[in-house]
N, C-alpha and C. Protein backbone atom coordinates (compact mmCIF):
# COMPACT_ATOMS: atom_id res chain seq x y z
N UNK A 1 104.58 155.23 151.59
CA UNK A 1 105.56 156.24 151.22
C UNK A 1 106.95 155.64 151.42
N UNK A 2 107.82 155.71 150.39
CA UNK A 2 109.16 155.14 150.53
C UNK A 2 109.98 155.92 151.54
N UNK A 3 110.85 155.15 152.21
CA UNK A 3 111.72 155.78 153.20
C UNK A 3 112.87 156.46 152.47
N UNK A 4 113.32 157.61 152.97
CA UNK A 4 114.43 158.29 152.33
C UNK A 4 115.72 157.51 152.57
N UNK A 5 116.64 157.61 151.60
CA UNK A 5 117.94 156.96 151.73
C UNK A 5 118.72 157.65 152.84
N UNK A 6 119.29 156.86 153.72
CA UNK A 6 120.10 157.40 154.80
C UNK A 6 121.48 156.76 154.74
N UNK A 7 122.51 157.52 154.76
CA UNK A 7 123.86 156.95 154.73
C UNK A 7 124.14 156.19 156.01
N UNK A 8 125.12 155.29 155.92
CA UNK A 8 125.55 154.54 157.10
C UNK A 8 126.02 155.52 158.15
N UNK A 9 125.59 155.31 159.38
CA UNK A 9 125.94 156.20 160.48
C UNK A 9 127.45 156.25 160.63
N UNK A 10 127.99 157.44 160.72
CA UNK A 10 129.41 157.62 160.95
C UNK A 10 130.21 157.79 159.67
N UNK A 11 129.61 157.51 158.48
CA UNK A 11 130.33 157.70 157.22
C UNK A 11 129.79 158.96 156.58
N UNK A 12 130.61 159.97 156.53
CA UNK A 12 130.17 161.26 156.03
C UNK A 12 130.65 161.53 154.61
N UNK A 13 131.63 160.78 154.17
CA UNK A 13 132.21 161.03 152.86
C UNK A 13 131.76 159.97 151.85
N UNK A 14 131.33 160.36 150.65
CA UNK A 14 130.99 159.37 149.61
C UNK A 14 132.20 158.52 149.24
N UNK A 15 133.41 159.09 149.30
CA UNK A 15 134.63 158.33 148.98
C UNK A 15 134.83 157.22 150.01
N UNK A 16 134.61 157.52 151.28
CA UNK A 16 134.75 156.52 152.32
C UNK A 16 133.71 155.41 152.14
N UNK A 17 132.50 155.76 151.77
CA UNK A 17 131.45 154.77 151.54
C UNK A 17 131.82 153.86 150.37
N UNK A 18 132.37 154.42 149.30
CA UNK A 18 132.80 153.60 148.16
C UNK A 18 133.94 152.67 148.56
N UNK A 19 134.87 153.18 149.37
CA UNK A 19 135.99 152.38 149.83
C UNK A 19 135.49 151.18 150.64
N UNK A 20 134.55 151.41 151.54
CA UNK A 20 134.01 150.34 152.38
C UNK A 20 133.27 149.32 151.52
N UNK A 21 132.49 149.78 150.54
CA UNK A 21 131.74 148.87 149.67
C UNK A 21 132.70 148.02 148.84
N UNK A 22 133.77 148.64 148.32
CA UNK A 22 134.75 147.89 147.53
C UNK A 22 135.46 146.85 148.39
N UNK A 23 135.83 147.24 149.60
CA UNK A 23 136.52 146.33 150.51
C UNK A 23 135.61 145.15 150.87
N UNK A 24 134.34 145.41 151.13
CA UNK A 24 133.40 144.35 151.47
C UNK A 24 133.22 143.39 150.31
N UNK A 25 133.19 143.90 149.07
CA UNK A 25 133.03 143.02 147.92
C UNK A 25 134.26 142.14 147.72
N UNK A 26 135.44 142.67 148.04
CA UNK A 26 136.66 141.86 147.95
C UNK A 26 136.65 140.73 148.96
N UNK A 27 136.13 141.01 150.16
CA UNK A 27 136.05 139.97 151.17
C UNK A 27 135.03 138.89 150.80
N UNK A 28 133.95 139.28 150.15
CA UNK A 28 132.89 138.35 149.81
C UNK A 28 133.19 137.54 148.56
N UNK A 29 134.05 138.01 147.68
CA UNK A 29 134.31 137.34 146.41
C UNK A 29 134.74 135.89 146.57
N UNK A 30 135.68 135.56 147.46
CA UNK A 30 136.05 134.14 147.60
C UNK A 30 134.90 133.27 148.07
N UNK A 31 133.98 133.83 148.81
CA UNK A 31 132.84 133.06 149.29
C UNK A 31 131.86 132.75 148.17
N UNK A 32 131.78 133.61 147.17
CA UNK A 32 130.84 133.44 146.09
C UNK A 32 131.41 132.65 144.93
N UNK A 33 132.72 132.63 144.77
CA UNK A 33 133.34 131.94 143.65
C UNK A 33 133.29 130.44 143.85
N UNK A 34 132.89 129.72 142.80
CA UNK A 34 132.87 128.26 142.86
C UNK A 34 134.30 127.75 142.66
N UNK A 35 134.69 126.74 143.42
CA UNK A 35 136.04 126.22 143.25
C UNK A 35 136.20 125.58 141.88
N UNK A 36 137.36 125.78 141.27
CA UNK A 36 137.63 125.19 139.97
C UNK A 36 137.85 123.69 140.14
N UNK A 37 137.25 122.91 139.25
CA UNK A 37 137.41 121.47 139.30
C UNK A 37 138.31 121.04 138.17
N UNK A 38 139.23 120.17 138.45
CA UNK A 38 140.10 119.60 137.44
C UNK A 38 139.81 118.11 137.39
N UNK A 39 138.99 117.69 136.45
CA UNK A 39 138.55 116.30 136.34
C UNK A 39 138.51 115.90 134.86
N UNK A 40 138.31 114.60 134.64
CA UNK A 40 137.94 114.10 133.32
C UNK A 40 136.45 113.84 133.42
N UNK A 41 135.66 114.69 132.76
CA UNK A 41 134.20 114.63 132.87
C UNK A 41 133.60 114.10 131.59
N UNK A 42 132.50 113.37 131.74
CA UNK A 42 131.74 112.88 130.60
C UNK A 42 130.33 113.43 130.72
N UNK A 43 129.86 114.05 129.66
CA UNK A 43 128.51 114.59 129.62
C UNK A 43 127.66 113.76 128.67
N UNK A 44 126.52 113.32 129.14
CA UNK A 44 125.60 112.51 128.36
C UNK A 44 124.57 113.44 127.72
N UNK A 45 124.74 113.70 126.44
CA UNK A 45 123.83 114.56 125.72
C UNK A 45 122.68 113.80 125.08
N UNK A 46 122.46 112.56 125.49
CA UNK A 46 121.38 111.75 124.91
C UNK A 46 120.16 111.78 125.80
N UNK A 47 119.13 111.09 125.37
CA UNK A 47 117.89 111.01 126.15
C UNK A 47 117.76 109.69 126.89
N UNK A 48 118.88 108.96 127.04
CA UNK A 48 118.85 107.68 127.73
C UNK A 48 120.06 107.54 128.66
N UNK A 49 119.95 106.66 129.64
CA UNK A 49 121.04 106.38 130.56
C UNK A 49 122.22 105.78 129.80
N UNK A 50 123.45 106.19 130.15
CA UNK A 50 124.65 105.69 129.49
C UNK A 50 125.60 105.13 130.56
N UNK A 51 126.22 103.99 130.26
CA UNK A 51 127.26 103.41 131.10
C UNK A 51 128.62 103.73 130.50
N UNK A 52 129.56 104.19 131.33
CA UNK A 52 130.87 104.64 130.85
C UNK A 52 131.98 103.88 131.55
N UNK A 53 132.98 103.47 130.75
CA UNK A 53 134.21 102.88 131.28
C UNK A 53 135.37 103.76 130.81
N UNK A 54 136.38 103.89 131.65
CA UNK A 54 137.53 104.74 131.32
C UNK A 54 138.80 103.92 131.50
N UNK A 55 139.79 104.20 130.66
CA UNK A 55 141.08 103.55 130.76
C UNK A 55 142.18 104.59 130.84
N UNK A 56 143.28 104.21 131.52
CA UNK A 56 144.40 105.13 131.62
C UNK A 56 145.67 104.37 132.00
N UNK A 57 146.80 104.98 131.75
CA UNK A 57 148.10 104.44 132.15
C UNK A 57 148.39 104.94 133.55
N UNK A 58 148.71 104.03 134.46
CA UNK A 58 149.03 104.38 135.85
C UNK A 58 150.40 103.79 136.19
N UNK A 59 150.95 104.11 137.36
CA UNK A 59 152.21 103.48 137.76
C UNK A 59 152.12 101.95 137.82
N UNK A 60 150.91 101.40 138.02
CA UNK A 60 150.70 99.95 138.06
C UNK A 60 150.52 99.35 136.67
N UNK A 61 150.49 100.17 135.64
CA UNK A 61 150.25 99.70 134.27
C UNK A 61 148.92 100.22 133.75
N UNK A 62 148.47 99.61 132.66
CA UNK A 62 147.19 100.01 132.08
C UNK A 62 146.06 99.57 132.99
N UNK A 63 145.11 100.48 133.23
CA UNK A 63 143.96 100.18 134.08
C UNK A 63 142.69 100.62 133.36
N UNK A 64 141.70 99.73 133.33
CA UNK A 64 140.37 100.10 132.85
C UNK A 64 139.42 99.95 134.02
N UNK A 65 138.44 100.86 134.07
CA UNK A 65 137.54 100.91 135.22
C UNK A 65 136.15 101.34 134.78
N UNK A 66 135.14 100.77 135.39
CA UNK A 66 133.76 101.14 135.08
C UNK A 66 132.81 100.50 136.08
N UNK A 67 131.65 100.71 136.05
CA UNK A 67 130.83 101.53 135.18
C UNK A 67 130.35 102.75 135.93
N UNK A 68 130.42 103.88 135.25
CA UNK A 68 129.77 105.09 135.75
C UNK A 68 128.45 105.19 135.03
N UNK A 69 127.40 105.33 135.77
CA UNK A 69 126.06 105.49 135.19
C UNK A 69 125.78 106.98 135.08
N UNK A 70 125.57 107.45 133.86
CA UNK A 70 125.34 108.88 133.64
C UNK A 70 123.94 109.05 133.05
N UNK A 71 123.02 109.60 133.84
CA UNK A 71 121.66 109.80 133.34
C UNK A 71 121.63 110.77 132.15
N UNK A 72 120.53 110.72 131.42
CA UNK A 72 120.34 111.59 130.26
C UNK A 72 120.57 113.04 130.62
N UNK A 73 121.23 113.75 129.75
CA UNK A 73 121.48 115.20 129.82
C UNK A 73 122.17 115.64 131.11
N UNK A 74 123.05 114.80 131.66
CA UNK A 74 123.83 115.19 132.84
C UNK A 74 125.31 114.90 132.59
N UNK A 75 126.15 115.41 133.48
CA UNK A 75 127.59 115.19 133.41
C UNK A 75 128.07 114.52 134.68
N UNK A 76 129.21 113.83 134.59
CA UNK A 76 129.78 113.18 135.76
C UNK A 76 131.29 113.08 135.60
N UNK A 77 132.01 113.26 136.68
CA UNK A 77 133.47 113.10 136.68
C UNK A 77 133.79 111.62 136.77
N UNK A 78 134.59 111.12 135.82
CA UNK A 78 135.00 109.72 135.86
C UNK A 78 136.44 109.57 136.34
N UNK A 79 137.20 110.64 136.26
CA UNK A 79 138.53 110.71 136.89
C UNK A 79 138.53 112.02 137.65
N UNK A 80 138.63 111.95 138.98
CA UNK A 80 138.54 113.15 139.79
C UNK A 80 139.92 113.70 140.13
N UNK A 81 139.99 115.01 140.15
CA UNK A 81 141.24 115.68 140.49
C UNK A 81 142.05 116.03 139.25
N UNK A 82 143.16 116.68 139.47
CA UNK A 82 144.06 117.09 138.40
C UNK A 82 144.49 115.87 137.59
N UNK A 83 144.34 115.94 136.27
CA UNK A 83 144.70 114.81 135.42
C UNK A 83 146.21 114.60 135.42
N UNK A 84 146.64 113.36 135.60
CA UNK A 84 148.04 113.02 135.71
C UNK A 84 148.62 112.49 134.40
N UNK A 85 147.76 112.05 133.49
CA UNK A 85 148.21 111.50 132.21
C UNK A 85 147.80 112.41 131.07
N UNK A 86 148.46 112.24 129.95
CA UNK A 86 148.08 113.00 128.77
C UNK A 86 146.94 112.31 128.02
N UNK A 87 146.96 110.98 128.02
CA UNK A 87 145.97 110.21 127.26
C UNK A 87 145.02 109.48 128.19
N UNK A 88 143.73 109.56 127.84
CA UNK A 88 142.68 108.82 128.54
C UNK A 88 141.85 108.12 127.48
N UNK A 89 141.22 107.02 127.89
CA UNK A 89 140.50 106.17 126.95
C UNK A 89 139.08 105.96 127.47
N UNK A 90 138.12 105.94 126.53
CA UNK A 90 136.72 105.91 126.94
C UNK A 90 135.93 104.94 126.08
N UNK A 91 135.08 104.19 126.74
CA UNK A 91 134.08 103.35 126.08
C UNK A 91 132.76 103.61 126.78
N UNK A 92 131.68 103.74 126.00
CA UNK A 92 130.36 103.97 126.60
C UNK A 92 129.30 103.26 125.77
N UNK A 93 128.23 102.87 126.45
CA UNK A 93 127.09 102.28 125.75
C UNK A 93 125.81 102.70 126.46
N UNK A 94 124.74 102.80 125.67
CA UNK A 94 123.48 103.21 126.31
C UNK A 94 122.85 102.01 127.01
N UNK A 95 121.96 102.29 127.94
CA UNK A 95 121.36 101.26 128.78
C UNK A 95 120.50 100.29 127.98
N UNK A 96 120.03 100.73 126.82
CA UNK A 96 119.21 99.88 125.97
C UNK A 96 120.05 98.92 125.15
N UNK A 97 121.37 99.13 125.13
CA UNK A 97 122.26 98.26 124.36
C UNK A 97 122.20 98.50 122.87
N UNK A 98 121.67 99.62 122.47
CA UNK A 98 121.52 99.91 121.04
C UNK A 98 122.55 100.89 120.50
N UNK A 99 123.15 101.68 121.34
CA UNK A 99 124.12 102.66 120.89
C UNK A 99 125.39 102.55 121.71
N UNK A 100 126.53 102.82 121.07
CA UNK A 100 127.79 102.80 121.81
C UNK A 100 128.78 103.79 121.22
N UNK A 101 129.70 104.18 122.07
CA UNK A 101 130.78 105.09 121.70
C UNK A 101 132.07 104.32 121.95
N UNK A 102 132.78 103.98 120.89
CA UNK A 102 133.94 103.10 121.01
C UNK A 102 135.07 103.61 120.13
N UNK A 103 136.19 102.93 120.20
CA UNK A 103 137.36 103.27 119.40
C UNK A 103 138.14 102.03 119.05
N UNK A 104 139.41 102.21 118.75
CA UNK A 104 140.22 101.07 118.29
C UNK A 104 141.34 100.67 119.25
N UNK A 105 141.28 101.14 120.49
CA UNK A 105 142.27 100.76 121.50
C UNK A 105 141.64 99.70 122.40
N UNK A 106 142.11 98.45 122.30
CA UNK A 106 141.51 97.35 123.05
C UNK A 106 141.90 97.38 124.52
N UNK A 107 140.88 97.28 125.36
CA UNK A 107 141.05 97.18 126.81
C UNK A 107 140.02 96.20 127.32
N UNK A 108 140.18 95.78 128.56
CA UNK A 108 139.27 94.82 129.17
C UNK A 108 138.13 95.52 129.90
N UNK A 109 136.95 94.91 129.84
CA UNK A 109 135.80 95.37 130.61
C UNK A 109 135.12 94.16 131.24
N UNK A 110 134.23 94.42 132.17
CA UNK A 110 133.42 93.36 132.78
C UNK A 110 131.97 93.82 132.77
N UNK A 111 131.08 92.87 132.98
CA UNK A 111 129.66 93.19 132.94
C UNK A 111 129.24 94.07 134.11
N UNK A 112 129.78 93.80 135.30
CA UNK A 112 129.46 94.57 136.49
C UNK A 112 130.60 95.52 136.81
N UNK A 113 130.49 96.25 137.92
CA UNK A 113 131.52 97.19 138.32
C UNK A 113 132.89 96.52 138.29
N UNK A 114 133.91 97.21 137.77
CA UNK A 114 135.22 96.60 137.62
C UNK A 114 136.35 97.62 137.70
N UNK A 115 137.53 97.10 138.05
CA UNK A 115 138.79 97.81 137.94
C UNK A 115 139.80 96.74 137.55
N UNK A 116 140.29 96.82 136.31
CA UNK A 116 141.13 95.77 135.75
C UNK A 116 142.49 96.34 135.41
N UNK A 117 143.53 95.72 135.95
CA UNK A 117 144.91 96.10 135.64
C UNK A 117 145.37 95.22 134.49
N UNK A 118 145.88 95.86 133.44
CA UNK A 118 146.37 95.13 132.27
C UNK A 118 145.35 95.08 131.16
N UNK A 119 145.86 94.99 129.92
CA UNK A 119 144.98 94.95 128.76
C UNK A 119 145.14 93.66 127.95
N UNK A 120 146.06 92.79 128.38
CA UNK A 120 146.30 91.55 127.64
C UNK A 120 145.42 90.43 128.17
N UNK A 121 145.14 89.48 127.29
CA UNK A 121 144.43 88.25 127.65
C UNK A 121 143.12 88.50 128.38
N UNK A 122 142.33 89.43 127.87
CA UNK A 122 141.05 89.75 128.52
C UNK A 122 140.19 88.51 128.69
N UNK A 123 139.98 87.75 127.60
CA UNK A 123 139.10 86.59 127.65
C UNK A 123 139.63 85.52 128.61
N UNK A 124 140.93 85.26 128.56
CA UNK A 124 141.54 84.24 129.42
C UNK A 124 141.40 84.61 130.89
N UNK A 125 141.31 85.90 131.19
CA UNK A 125 141.17 86.34 132.58
C UNK A 125 139.71 86.52 132.99
N UNK A 126 138.79 86.15 132.12
CA UNK A 126 137.37 86.20 132.46
C UNK A 126 136.69 87.52 132.15
N UNK A 127 137.33 88.35 131.33
CA UNK A 127 136.77 89.65 130.97
C UNK A 127 136.40 89.69 129.49
N UNK A 128 135.80 90.76 129.06
CA UNK A 128 135.52 91.01 127.65
C UNK A 128 136.54 92.01 127.12
N UNK A 129 136.79 91.96 125.83
CA UNK A 129 137.69 92.92 125.19
C UNK A 129 136.82 93.91 124.42
N UNK A 130 137.09 95.20 124.61
CA UNK A 130 136.30 96.22 123.94
C UNK A 130 137.22 97.32 123.45
N UNK A 131 136.84 97.96 122.35
CA UNK A 131 137.61 99.07 121.79
C UNK A 131 137.27 100.39 122.48
N UNK A 132 138.27 101.04 123.02
CA UNK A 132 138.12 102.34 123.67
C UNK A 132 138.63 103.42 122.74
N UNK A 133 138.08 104.60 122.85
CA UNK A 133 138.55 105.74 122.07
C UNK A 133 139.57 106.52 122.87
N UNK A 134 140.65 106.92 122.20
CA UNK A 134 141.72 107.69 122.85
C UNK A 134 141.41 109.18 122.83
N UNK A 135 141.66 109.83 123.96
CA UNK A 135 141.52 111.28 124.08
C UNK A 135 142.86 111.86 124.49
N UNK A 136 143.41 112.70 123.64
CA UNK A 136 144.67 113.39 123.93
C UNK A 136 144.33 114.71 124.59
N UNK A 137 144.58 114.80 125.90
CA UNK A 137 144.25 116.01 126.64
C UNK A 137 145.31 117.09 126.47
N UNK A 138 146.41 116.76 125.80
CA UNK A 138 147.48 117.73 125.62
C UNK A 138 148.15 118.10 126.93
N UNK A 139 147.99 117.26 127.96
CA UNK A 139 148.59 117.55 129.25
C UNK A 139 147.79 118.52 130.10
N UNK A 140 146.56 118.85 129.68
CA UNK A 140 145.73 119.77 130.46
C UNK A 140 145.28 119.10 131.76
N UNK A 141 144.97 119.90 132.75
CA UNK A 141 144.56 119.39 134.05
C UNK A 141 143.15 118.89 134.11
N UNK A 142 142.31 119.28 133.12
CA UNK A 142 140.93 118.80 133.08
C UNK A 142 140.51 118.62 131.63
N UNK A 143 139.47 117.81 131.44
CA UNK A 143 139.00 117.50 130.09
C UNK A 143 137.54 117.11 130.18
N UNK A 144 136.77 117.39 129.12
CA UNK A 144 135.37 117.00 129.08
C UNK A 144 135.05 116.35 127.74
N UNK A 145 134.29 115.25 127.80
CA UNK A 145 133.82 114.56 126.60
C UNK A 145 132.31 114.68 126.58
N UNK A 146 131.77 115.02 125.42
CA UNK A 146 130.32 115.14 125.24
C UNK A 146 129.83 113.97 124.40
N UNK A 147 129.00 113.10 124.97
CA UNK A 147 128.39 112.01 124.23
C UNK A 147 127.08 112.52 123.65
N UNK A 148 126.89 112.34 122.35
CA UNK A 148 125.67 112.79 121.70
C UNK A 148 124.94 111.58 121.11
N UNK A 149 123.71 111.80 120.70
CA UNK A 149 122.91 110.70 120.14
C UNK A 149 123.67 110.00 119.03
N UNK A 150 123.63 108.70 119.07
CA UNK A 150 124.24 107.92 117.99
C UNK A 150 123.13 107.22 117.23
N UNK A 151 123.39 106.90 115.99
CA UNK A 151 122.38 106.15 115.25
C UNK A 151 122.11 104.81 115.94
N UNK A 152 120.89 104.37 116.01
CA UNK A 152 120.53 103.11 116.66
C UNK A 152 121.34 101.98 116.06
N UNK A 153 122.01 101.25 116.96
CA UNK A 153 122.80 100.11 116.52
C UNK A 153 124.16 100.50 116.00
N UNK A 154 124.45 101.79 115.95
CA UNK A 154 125.72 102.25 115.38
C UNK A 154 126.73 102.58 116.44
N UNK A 155 127.87 103.01 115.97
CA UNK A 155 128.95 103.44 116.84
C UNK A 155 129.26 104.86 116.51
N UNK A 156 129.39 105.69 117.52
CA UNK A 156 129.72 107.10 117.29
C UNK A 156 131.07 107.40 117.86
N UNK A 157 131.82 108.20 117.16
CA UNK A 157 133.09 108.71 117.64
C UNK A 157 132.84 110.13 118.12
N UNK A 158 132.66 110.34 119.45
CA UNK A 158 132.32 111.68 119.94
C UNK A 158 133.40 112.70 119.65
């Protein structure tokens, strides 16, 4: 047999009960809300692991950095925090070496983890030169790029 509803002891007015419930929900709201993230995120919409390199203008000059490994159908922040630049540059390739996402802005990359200052003389400095795609964030604090399946052996402009 179900128990009868009993009001909270000491609260005799339905208005008072509503007031307490509303107040409690206001106190709990910040605990339940997820903090807003301001990042440059890359989402891998493919069925294979993707390696990502990002480039940007910093006070030290042009910097390219990589590799972020992004598993299939997941997202990852490649620049964390509030975006400081309007333009960001991205190059990505799948782990099988058959698909890539590139552009026409040349920057330096390396085979292993890297952070390279400068975009000139990549080969002379022991790096590779690769075309990155430019993303104009319009000065927004966060941005997301979605990588989707590319034709095998082809280049996709996400």
